[in-house]
Amino acid sequence: MFDKAIAFNGTNCLIDIHLNEKIYNALNNYKNWLEQNNLLQFKDKYQSVYSPQIDLSTGQFEQISNETLESLTEYFDELIEQAGHLKDADVSYGDGVITVKFGEGYGTYVINRQTPNKQIWLSSPKSGPKRYDFIDGKWIYKHDGQTLHELLNREIPAIIRNQAIFDKCSYSGREQHVSLDRS
């Protein structure tokens, strides 16, 4: 048995194949053909399988990030207003920074615009810090491929003790698919 491995990395799955030399060479040739024809994209901890980040002008970034942050602020306000058990909760927004204080036992979320990097940064008491890039019309954390809105959809319901649908907020990548009348 020939002791080489080839790693195909497709839709977030990695398959290591230990085969004899003839099969290894055939698969390696096929992998090279797929790459040459842009049919296979690789992802490792330093690369992204997403299309390249759009080179936003500072003005475009400001507009998109402001719309995103204002939309998130409005939705956080709505969610906290409906959560009667969060008596000390507070949402504030100013100068490109949202601060969501849920109160004792829940912590504080900070979401802010980073104009020099053209990113939105999140500080979560549950999952820690993350930096989101604007890719394909949504804010994506390149290390795990999750959007800012998906992370909030996962973390916030446990705090508010109710459903949260951040997909309806601006630049979730799904806002056009969610009815804005849903509560």
Protein backbone atom coordinates (compact mmCIF):
# COMPACT_ATOMS: atom_id res chain seq x y z
CA MET A 1 0.00 0.00 0.00
CA PHE A 2 1.34 3.41 -1.01
CA ASP A 3 1.43 5.77 1.95
CA LYS A 4 0.16 9.10 0.52
CA ALA A 5 -3.03 10.97 1.24
CA ILE A 6 -5.01 13.41 -0.84
CA ALA A 7 -7.45 15.79 0.77
CA PHE A 8 -10.52 16.94 -1.10
CA ASN A 9 -12.15 19.87 0.59
CA GLY A 10 -15.58 20.67 -0.77
CA THR A 11 -18.64 21.86 1.07
CA ASN A 12 -17.06 21.96 4.51
CA CYS A 13 -16.19 18.29 4.56
CA LEU A 14 -12.70 16.87 4.45
CA ILE A 15 -12.04 13.37 3.25
CA ASP A 16 -8.59 11.84 3.61
CA ILE A 17 -8.03 8.94 1.27
CA HIS A 18 -5.11 6.54 1.75
CA LEU A 19 -4.76 4.57 -1.47
CA ASN A 20 -2.26 2.90 -3.68
CA GLU A 21 -0.11 5.06 -5.96
CA LYS A 22 -2.16 4.51 -9.15
CA ILE A 23 -5.43 5.62 -7.56
CA TYR A 24 -3.68 8.47 -5.77
CA ASN A 25 -2.30 9.81 -9.06
CA ALA A 26 -5.68 9.48 -10.82
CA LEU A 27 -7.46 11.37 -8.02
CA ASN A 28 -4.76 14.01 -7.91
CA ASN A 29 -5.09 14.55 -11.68
CA TYR A 30 -8.87 14.82 -11.31
CA LYS A 31 -8.47 17.32 -8.43
CA ASN A 32 -6.10 19.41 -10.58
CA TRP A 33 -8.59 19.38 -13.47
CA LEU A 34 -11.39 20.50 -11.12
CA GLU A 35 -9.23 23.36 -9.83
CA GLN A 36 -8.22 24.48 -13.34
CA ASN A 37 -11.88 24.61 -14.35
CA ASN A 38 -12.94 26.46 -11.18
CA LEU A 39 -15.12 23.56 -10.11
CA LEU A 40 -13.42 22.93 -6.79
CA GLN A 41 -12.64 25.43 -4.06
CA PHE A 42 -10.46 24.66 -1.08
CA LYS A 43 -10.93 25.99 2.41
CA ASP A 44 -8.48 25.89 5.23
CA LYS A 45 -8.19 28.03 8.33
CA TYR A 46 -6.51 30.78 6.29
CA GLN A 47 -8.69 30.74 3.16
CA SER A 48 -12.35 31.30 2.46
CA VAL A 49 -14.53 29.46 -0.04
CA TYR A 50 -16.61 32.61 -0.45
CA SER A 51 -16.41 34.86 -3.43
CA PRO A 52 -13.95 37.70 -2.96
CA GLN A 53 -14.94 40.56 -0.74
CA ILE A 54 -16.31 43.44 -2.76
CA ASP A 55 -13.91 46.36 -2.58
CA LEU A 56 -16.30 48.84 -1.01
CA SER A 57 -15.53 52.52 -1.04
CA THR A 58 -15.53 54.18 2.37
CA GLY A 59 -18.86 55.82 1.50
CA GLN A 60 -20.43 52.51 0.50
CA PHE A 61 -19.11 50.84 3.65
CA GLU A 62 -20.50 53.64 5.83
CA GLN A 63 -23.92 53.37 4.17
CA ILE A 64 -24.12 49.56 4.41
CA SER A 65 -22.74 49.36 7.94
CA ASN A 66 -24.99 52.20 9.19
CA GLU A 67 -28.06 50.53 7.68
CA THR A 68 -27.04 47.21 9.22
CA LEU A 69 -26.41 48.69 12.68
CA GLU A 70 -29.58 50.81 12.68
CA SER A 71 -31.65 47.79 11.65
CA LEU A 72 -30.09 45.64 14.39
CA THR A 73 -30.64 48.39 16.97
CA GLU A 74 -34.34 48.68 16.11
CA TYR A 75 -34.77 44.91 16.35
CA PHE A 76 -32.89 44.65 19.66
CA ASP A 77 -35.15 47.44 21.02
CA GLU A 78 -38.22 45.49 19.89
CA LEU A 79 -36.99 42.21 21.42
CA ILE A 80 -36.09 43.76 24.78
CA GLU A 81 -39.39 45.59 24.96
CA GLN A 82 -41.19 42.25 24.58
CA ALA A 83 -39.00 40.46 27.17
CA GLY A 84 -40.63 41.37 30.48
CA HIS A 85 -37.99 39.59 32.57
CA LEU A 86 -35.22 41.87 31.27
CA LYS A 87 -36.10 44.88 33.42
CA ASP A 88 -32.56 46.34 33.43
CA ALA A 89 -31.86 45.71 29.74
CA ASP A 90 -30.85 48.64 27.58
CA VAL A 91 -29.92 49.24 23.92
CA SER A 92 -27.90 52.24 22.81
CA TYR A 93 -26.51 53.22 19.43
CA GLY A 94 -24.19 56.03 18.52
CA ASP A 95 -21.06 56.70 16.48
CA GLY A 96 -21.24 53.29 14.84
CA VAL A 97 -21.49 51.31 18.09
CA ILE A 98 -24.45 49.28 19.38
CA THR A 99 -24.31 48.36 23.05
CA VAL A 100 -26.92 45.85 24.23
CA LYS A 101 -26.91 45.41 28.01
CA PHE A 102 -29.12 42.48 28.92
CA GLY A 103 -28.45 42.76 32.64
CA GLU A 104 -26.91 40.58 35.30
CA GLY A 105 -26.43 36.99 34.27
CA TYR A 106 -26.65 37.72 30.55
CA GLY A 107 -23.88 40.17 29.83
CA THR A 108 -23.40 42.86 27.21
CA TYR A 109 -23.15 42.60 23.44
CA VAL A 110 -21.20 45.24 21.56
CA ILE A 111 -21.45 45.48 17.77
CA ASN A 112 -19.42 48.17 16.09
CA ARG A 113 -18.25 49.43 12.75
CA GLN A 114 -14.51 49.32 11.97
CA THR A 115 -14.12 51.68 9.03
CA PRO A 116 -10.35 51.21 8.45
CA ASN A 117 -10.86 47.42 8.05
CA LYS A 118 -14.33 47.75 6.49
CA GLN A 119 -15.62 45.23 9.02
CA ILE A 120 -18.27 44.92 11.69
CA TRP A 121 -16.93 43.64 14.99
CA LEU A 122 -18.96 41.76 17.57
CA SER A 123 -18.14 41.19 21.21
CA SER A 124 -20.44 38.50 22.61
CA PRO A 125 -20.47 37.37 26.25
CA LYS A 126 -21.30 33.89 24.98
CA SER A 127 -19.08 33.33 21.91
CA GLY A 128 -16.43 36.02 22.29
CA PRO A 129 -15.07 38.45 19.69
CA LYS A 130 -15.64 38.08 15.96
CA ARG A 131 -14.85 40.23 12.92
CA TYR A 132 -17.32 40.20 10.03
CA ASP A 133 -16.55 41.04 6.40
CA PHE A 134 -19.15 42.15 3.88
CA ILE A 135 -19.25 39.30 1.34
CA ASP A 136 -22.05 38.41 -1.07
CA GLY A 137 -24.40 40.99 0.48
CA LYS A 138 -24.06 39.78 4.08
CA TRP A 139 -21.69 40.02 7.04
CA ILE A 140 -19.63 36.80 7.25
CA TYR A 141 -17.14 35.60 9.83
CA LYS A 142 -14.56 34.00 7.55
CA HIS A 143 -13.30 31.48 10.10
CA ASP A 144 -16.57 29.56 10.33
CA GLY A 145 -18.68 30.91 7.44
CA GLN A 146 -21.51 32.02 9.73
CA THR A 147 -23.16 35.39 9.32
CA LEU A 148 -23.55 37.94 12.08
CA HIS A 149 -27.31 37.48 11.86
CA GLU A 150 -27.06 33.68 12.17
CA LEU A 151 -24.98 34.02 15.33
CA LEU A 152 -27.53 36.42 16.83
CA ASN A 153 -30.37 34.05 15.82
CA ARG A 154 -28.59 31.33 17.82
CA GLU A 155 -27.56 33.25 20.93
CA ILE A 156 -30.28 35.81 21.65
CA PRO A 157 -33.37 33.55 22.01
CA ALA A 158 -31.99 31.99 25.21
CA ILE A 159 -31.63 35.46 26.72
CA ILE A 160 -35.00 36.86 25.68
CA ARG A 161 -36.77 33.51 26.23
CA ASN A 162 -38.45 33.85 22.85
CA GLN A 163 -37.80 33.46 19.16
CA ALA A 164 -35.46 35.94 17.45
CA ILE A 165 -35.37 36.39 13.67
CA PHE A 166 -32.45 38.65 12.84
CA ASP A 167 -32.78 37.49 9.22
CA LYS A 168 -35.28 40.28 8.70
CA CYS A 169 -32.64 42.89 9.52
CA SER A 170 -30.64 44.63 6.81
CA TYR A 171 -27.83 42.75 5.08
CA SER A 172 -28.54 39.36 6.63
CA GLY A 173 -28.51 37.90 3.14
CA ARG A 174 -31.98 36.54 3.84
CA GLU A 175 -33.98 39.69 4.61
CA GLN A 176 -35.86 39.52 1.32
CA HIS A 177 -37.10 36.03 2.28
CA VAL A 178 -38.50 36.97 5.68
CA SER A 179 -41.72 38.85 6.23
CA LEU A 180 -41.02 42.04 8.14
CA ASP A 181 -44.43 41.78 9.80
CA ARG A 182 -43.38 38.72 11.84
CA SER A 183 -42.88 39.24 15.55
